[in-house]
Amino acid sequence: MSSQTPRPELPDHLSIDPRSPHHVAAVFEHEIGIRFNGAERSDVEEYCISEGWIRVPAGKALDRKGNPLLLKLKGKVEAFYR
């Protein structure tokens, strides 16, 4: 990952699912991290800083389309570039 390319500002609401309206591909060209209630999480599928929630997979459970079932956890959310 090149450090010379400018990093886009992290959005308030971001999803890793490319079908989501909250997916921003330019952000994923850089490595990002999510801190939830003071602990760094690596399994976050979607987050919203202003509303204070993250969505994480619920184990190995899948929905009928083969996507992981997501749990919504509420707390303090911080997004940052590594």
Protein backbone atom coordinates (compact mmCIF):
# COMPACT_ATOMS: atom_id res chain seq x y z
CA MET A 1 0.00 0.00 0.00
CA SER A 2 1.49 3.25 -1.08
CA SER A 3 1.80 5.99 1.51
CA GLN A 4 1.96 8.64 -1.23
CA THR A 5 -1.66 8.38 -2.31
CA PRO A 6 -3.92 10.63 -0.23
CA ARG A 7 -6.29 8.77 2.06
CA PRO A 8 -9.97 9.66 1.66
CA GLU A 9 -11.78 10.83 4.76
CA LEU A 10 -13.45 7.96 6.62
CA PRO A 11 -17.23 8.21 6.26
CA ASP A 12 -19.68 8.20 9.17
CA HIS A 13 -21.36 5.03 7.82
CA LEU A 14 -19.36 2.37 5.95
CA SER A 15 -20.08 -1.18 4.75
CA ILE A 16 -17.79 -3.82 3.24
CA ASP A 17 -20.65 -5.18 1.08
CA PRO A 18 -20.25 -3.76 -2.46
CA ARG A 19 -24.04 -3.91 -2.99
CA SER A 20 -24.63 -1.52 -0.08
CA PRO A 21 -25.19 2.20 -0.72
CA HIS A 22 -22.71 2.81 2.13
CA HIS A 23 -19.82 1.03 0.37
CA VAL A 24 -16.92 3.36 -0.58
CA ALA A 25 -14.33 1.44 -2.59
CA ALA A 26 -11.64 4.15 -2.28
CA VAL A 27 -11.51 3.67 1.50
CA PHE A 28 -10.75 -0.04 1.15
CA GLU A 29 -7.59 0.66 -0.86
CA HIS A 30 -6.04 1.47 2.54
CA GLU A 31 -6.02 -0.63 5.70
CA ILE A 32 -8.57 0.60 8.23
CA GLY A 33 -9.30 -0.38 11.80
CA ILE A 34 -12.38 -0.20 14.02
CA ARG A 35 -12.25 0.36 17.75
CA PHE A 36 -15.49 -0.60 19.54
CA ASN A 37 -15.87 0.30 23.24
CA GLY A 38 -12.09 0.68 23.48
CA ALA A 39 -11.21 -2.72 21.95
CA GLU A 40 -9.99 -3.14 18.38
CA ARG A 41 -12.28 -5.40 16.30
CA SER A 42 -11.32 -7.14 13.06
CA ASP A 43 -14.70 -8.76 12.27
CA VAL A 44 -16.78 -5.63 11.59
CA GLU A 45 -18.94 -5.80 8.44
CA GLU A 46 -20.57 -2.35 8.78
CA TYR A 47 -20.42 0.58 11.17
CA CYS A 48 -22.05 3.93 11.92
CA ILE A 49 -20.13 6.35 14.14
CA SER A 50 -22.90 8.92 14.72
CA GLU A 51 -25.48 6.29 15.73
CA GLY A 52 -22.91 4.25 17.70
CA TRP A 53 -23.28 0.72 16.29
CA ILE A 54 -21.41 -1.97 14.39
CA ARG A 55 -22.61 -5.11 12.60
CA VAL A 56 -20.65 -8.32 13.08
CA PRO A 57 -21.26 -11.90 11.82
CA ALA A 58 -23.24 -14.18 14.16
CA GLY A 59 -20.90 -17.18 14.16
CA LYS A 60 -21.18 -19.43 11.11
CA ALA A 61 -24.91 -18.84 10.56
CA LEU A 62 -25.93 -17.88 7.01
CA ASP A 63 -29.12 -16.42 5.60
CA ARG A 64 -30.97 -18.05 2.70
CA LYS A 65 -28.83 -16.20 0.16
CA GLY A 66 -25.57 -17.43 1.70
CA ASN A 67 -24.61 -14.17 3.41
CA PRO A 68 -23.61 -14.19 7.08
CA LEU A 69 -26.26 -13.25 9.62
CA LEU A 70 -25.24 -10.00 11.26
CA LEU A 71 -25.67 -8.84 14.85
CA LYS A 72 -25.98 -5.14 15.63
CA LEU A 73 -23.92 -4.12 18.66
CA LYS A 74 -24.28 -0.64 20.20
CA GLY A 75 -21.48 1.31 21.86
CA LYS A 76 -18.70 3.80 21.16
CA VAL A 77 -17.30 3.39 17.62
CA GLU A 78 -14.01 4.82 16.31
CA ALA A 79 -12.69 4.30 12.78
CA PHE A 80 -9.04 4.93 11.87
CA TYR A 81 -6.39 4.22 9.28
CA ARG A 82 -3.61 1.85 10.33
